[in-house]
Amino acid sequence: MRLPLIPPAELSAEQQTLYDSMRKGIASNFNAFKVEREDGALMGPWNPWLHEPGIGKAIWDLTLAMTANAVLPDNVRQIAILMVGARYDAAYELYAHVAVAEKEGMSAERLSALVADLKPADLSREENLAFDFSYALSRGGTLPEPLYRQAIATFGQHGTNELIYLVGLYALVSTTLNGFNVPVPERE
């Protein structure tokens, strides 16, 4: 870990405001995995965001907007998130979203393929599209037109927009985690 965890007692006023917002959002949306140390210091991407609260708040606001305005089904979102995490080999991202996917009932076989950066064989039509779409975007370059049109036909414009932003957000999260060498906590 390249940035020390910040105990709550050592937060600046600006950091404290962001910390309080993140703890509230984490409690309602990200409770399937370990996010804080015993003293309340936040782990995962939240710690680097606290170190730069001006930037961290913007990323956190995007995260909240992506959650509040979600129209894609959770299974489709998790396929996209896990695909991006695997593409970036972001250990904490994979740790966190494997826990979320397990809580939502995703099979061990499917999870094994996704974390190995492979396409699972048992995807529904919508999940298959989410995988292909996310895979193509995370490779770089323009999203191929047939994938874009298929996403519009399947998820509508708002859902397609959400999928693009979701891939971008989790690419940013994965890059943050990898850049700061954020470790994975022990699983209980």
Protein backbone atom coordinates (compact mmCIF):
# COMPACT_ATOMS: atom_id res chain seq x y z
CA MET A 1 0.00 0.00 0.00
CA ARG A 2 1.52 3.25 -1.13
CA LEU A 3 -0.75 5.53 0.89
CA PRO A 4 -1.25 4.95 4.62
CA LEU A 5 -4.77 4.39 5.87
CA ILE A 6 -6.06 7.51 7.61
CA PRO A 7 -7.59 6.94 11.06
CA PRO A 8 -10.78 9.00 11.48
CA ALA A 9 -9.19 11.07 14.28
CA GLU A 10 -6.54 12.33 11.81
CA LEU A 11 -8.88 13.48 9.04
CA SER A 12 -8.97 17.14 7.99
CA ALA A 13 -12.35 18.88 7.90
CA GLU A 14 -12.58 18.34 4.11
CA GLN A 15 -11.60 14.69 4.49
CA GLN A 16 -14.09 14.22 7.35
CA THR A 17 -17.01 15.43 5.20
CA LEU A 18 -16.04 13.02 2.42
CA TYR A 19 -15.40 10.20 4.92
CA ASP A 20 -18.88 10.64 6.44
CA SER A 21 -20.50 10.56 2.98
CA MET A 22 -18.52 7.50 1.95
CA ARG A 23 -19.29 5.60 5.17
CA LYS A 24 -23.01 6.28 4.69
CA GLY A 25 -22.93 5.13 1.05
CA ILE A 26 -20.74 2.14 1.81
CA ALA A 27 -23.12 0.97 4.54
CA SER A 28 -26.07 0.95 2.14
CA ASN A 29 -24.37 -0.27 -1.05
CA PHE A 30 -21.03 -1.99 -0.38
CA ASN A 31 -21.54 -4.27 2.62
CA ALA A 32 -20.55 -7.68 1.25
CA PHE A 33 -16.82 -7.21 1.84
CA LYS A 34 -14.38 -5.59 4.26
CA VAL A 35 -14.06 -1.82 3.70
CA GLU A 36 -12.54 -0.52 6.92
CA ARG A 37 -9.95 -1.29 9.54
CA GLU A 38 -10.98 -1.80 13.18
CA ASP A 39 -10.26 1.89 13.95
CA GLY A 40 -12.61 3.04 11.17
CA ALA A 41 -9.92 3.86 8.58
CA LEU A 42 -11.33 3.19 5.10
CA MET A 43 -9.59 0.70 2.81
CA GLY A 44 -9.99 -0.05 -0.90
CA PRO A 45 -10.32 2.88 -3.30
CA TRP A 46 -11.85 5.04 -0.57
CA ASN A 47 -8.49 5.58 1.16
CA PRO A 48 -6.76 7.11 -1.91
CA TRP A 49 -9.85 9.24 -2.50
CA LEU A 50 -9.59 10.56 1.07
CA HIS A 51 -5.95 11.51 0.47
CA GLU A 52 -7.12 13.82 -2.36
CA PRO A 53 -10.60 14.87 -1.20
CA GLY A 54 -11.18 17.35 -4.05
CA ILE A 55 -10.75 14.58 -6.60
CA GLY A 56 -12.04 11.85 -4.31
CA LYS A 57 -15.34 13.64 -3.82
CA ALA A 58 -15.85 13.92 -7.58
CA ILE A 59 -15.21 10.19 -8.03
CA TRP A 60 -17.43 9.35 -5.05
CA ASP A 61 -20.23 11.55 -6.46
CA LEU A 62 -19.95 9.67 -9.77
CA THR A 63 -20.09 6.36 -7.90
CA LEU A 64 -23.24 7.45 -6.07
CA ALA A 65 -24.85 8.70 -9.28
CA MET A 66 -24.08 5.41 -11.01
CA THR A 67 -25.75 3.54 -8.15
CA ALA A 68 -28.76 5.84 -7.75
CA ASN A 69 -29.55 5.99 -11.46
CA ALA A 70 -28.93 2.33 -12.29
CA VAL A 71 -31.37 0.72 -14.72
CA LEU A 72 -29.30 -2.31 -15.68
CA PRO A 73 -30.02 -5.50 -13.73
CA ASP A 74 -27.49 -6.29 -10.98
CA ASN A 75 -26.28 -9.46 -12.71
CA VAL A 76 -25.48 -7.48 -15.88
CA ARG A 77 -23.68 -4.81 -13.84
CA GLN A 78 -21.63 -7.41 -11.99
CA ILE A 79 -20.58 -9.12 -15.22
CA ALA A 80 -19.32 -5.77 -16.53
CA ILE A 81 -17.60 -4.81 -13.26
CA LEU A 82 -15.89 -8.18 -12.84
CA MET A 83 -14.80 -8.19 -16.50
CA VAL A 84 -13.16 -4.78 -16.06
CA GLY A 85 -11.56 -5.77 -12.75
CA ALA A 86 -10.12 -8.91 -14.37
CA ARG A 87 -8.91 -6.99 -17.43
CA TYR A 88 -7.00 -4.61 -15.12
CA ASP A 89 -6.01 -7.42 -12.72
CA ALA A 90 -7.19 -5.20 -9.86
CA ALA A 91 -6.99 -7.44 -6.80
CA TYR A 92 -9.19 -5.42 -4.42
CA GLU A 93 -11.78 -4.84 -7.14
CA LEU A 94 -12.01 -8.56 -7.80
CA TYR A 95 -12.08 -9.34 -4.06
CA ALA A 96 -14.91 -6.87 -3.48
CA HIS A 97 -17.09 -7.72 -6.46
CA VAL A 98 -16.62 -11.47 -6.15
CA ALA A 99 -18.09 -11.04 -2.66
CA VAL A 100 -20.99 -9.00 -4.06
CA ALA A 101 -21.60 -11.52 -6.87
CA GLU A 102 -21.47 -14.44 -4.42
CA LYS A 103 -24.01 -12.68 -2.19
CA GLU A 104 -26.23 -12.25 -5.27
CA GLY A 105 -25.93 -16.00 -6.05
CA MET A 106 -23.43 -16.04 -8.93
CA SER A 107 -22.00 -19.55 -9.39
CA ALA A 108 -18.41 -20.45 -8.55
CA GLU A 109 -17.87 -21.63 -12.13
CA ARG A 110 -18.96 -18.29 -13.56
CA LEU A 111 -16.86 -16.35 -11.05
CA SER A 112 -13.81 -18.51 -11.79
CA ALA A 113 -14.03 -17.73 -15.48
CA LEU A 114 -14.61 -14.01 -14.95
CA VAL A 115 -11.68 -13.50 -12.55
CA ALA A 116 -9.45 -15.43 -14.99
CA ASP A 117 -10.39 -12.83 -17.64
CA LEU A 118 -12.38 -15.44 -19.54
CA LYS A 119 -15.95 -15.41 -20.81
CA PRO A 120 -18.19 -17.81 -18.87
CA ALA A 121 -20.04 -20.36 -20.97
CA ASP A 122 -23.38 -20.01 -19.15
CA LEU A 123 -24.24 -16.33 -19.69
CA SER A 124 -27.73 -15.17 -20.57
CA ARG A 125 -28.17 -13.08 -23.72
CA GLU A 126 -28.01 -9.83 -21.71
CA GLU A 127 -24.99 -10.96 -19.67
CA ASN A 128 -23.21 -12.12 -22.82
CA LEU A 129 -23.75 -8.69 -24.37
CA ALA A 130 -22.52 -6.94 -21.20
CA PHE A 131 -19.35 -9.07 -21.26
CA ASP A 132 -18.63 -8.46 -24.96
CA PHE A 133 -19.42 -4.74 -24.66
CA SER A 134 -17.20 -4.30 -21.57
CA TYR A 135 -14.43 -6.39 -23.08
CA ALA A 136 -14.40 -4.34 -26.27
CA LEU A 137 -14.40 -1.01 -24.41
CA SER A 138 -11.65 -2.06 -22.01
CA ARG A 139 -9.38 -3.04 -24.92
CA GLY A 140 -9.28 0.56 -26.05
CA GLY A 141 -10.42 2.18 -29.27
CA THR A 142 -13.92 2.89 -30.49
CA LEU A 143 -16.69 0.53 -29.42
CA PRO A 144 -17.66 -1.48 -32.53
CA GLU A 145 -20.93 -0.27 -34.05
CA PRO A 146 -22.66 -3.71 -34.01
CA LEU A 147 -22.08 -3.96 -30.23
CA TYR A 148 -23.37 -0.44 -29.70
CA ARG A 149 -26.52 -1.10 -31.77
CA GLN A 150 -27.13 -4.41 -29.99
CA ALA A 151 -26.80 -2.68 -26.61
CA ILE A 152 -29.30 0.01 -27.67
CA ALA A 153 -31.74 -2.68 -28.80
CA THR A 154 -31.27 -4.67 -25.57
CA PHE A 155 -30.78 -2.06 -22.84
CA GLY A 156 -32.12 1.13 -24.44
CA GLN A 157 -30.16 4.37 -24.69
CA HIS A 158 -30.07 5.02 -20.93
CA GLY A 159 -28.92 1.46 -20.18
CA THR A 160 -26.26 1.64 -22.88
CA ASN A 161 -25.03 4.96 -21.51
CA GLU A 162 -24.93 3.42 -18.05
CA LEU A 163 -22.87 0.48 -19.31
CA ILE A 164 -20.33 2.82 -20.95
CA TYR A 165 -20.03 4.91 -17.78
CA LEU A 166 -19.85 1.77 -15.62
CA VAL A 167 -16.91 0.41 -17.61
CA GLY A 168 -15.20 3.81 -17.35
CA LEU A 169 -15.86 4.14 -13.63
CA TYR A 170 -14.49 0.69 -12.83
CA ALA A 171 -11.50 1.27 -15.09
CA LEU A 172 -10.82 4.36 -12.95
CA VAL A 173 -11.38 2.42 -9.72
CA SER A 174 -9.11 -0.40 -10.93
CA THR A 175 -6.42 2.05 -12.00
CA THR A 176 -6.62 3.74 -8.58
CA LEU A 177 -6.28 0.40 -6.81
CA ASN A 178 -3.36 -0.73 -8.97
CA GLY A 179 -1.58 2.63 -8.92
CA PHE A 180 -1.62 2.78 -5.13
CA ASN A 181 -1.03 -0.98 -4.72
CA VAL A 182 -4.12 -1.37 -2.54
CA PRO A 183 -4.00 -4.74 -0.77
CA VAL A 184 -6.78 -7.26 -0.36
CA PRO A 185 -7.90 -7.83 3.23
CA GLU A 186 -8.13 -11.32 4.59
CA ARG A 187 -11.43 -13.01 3.78
CA GLU A 188 -13.39 -14.15 6.77
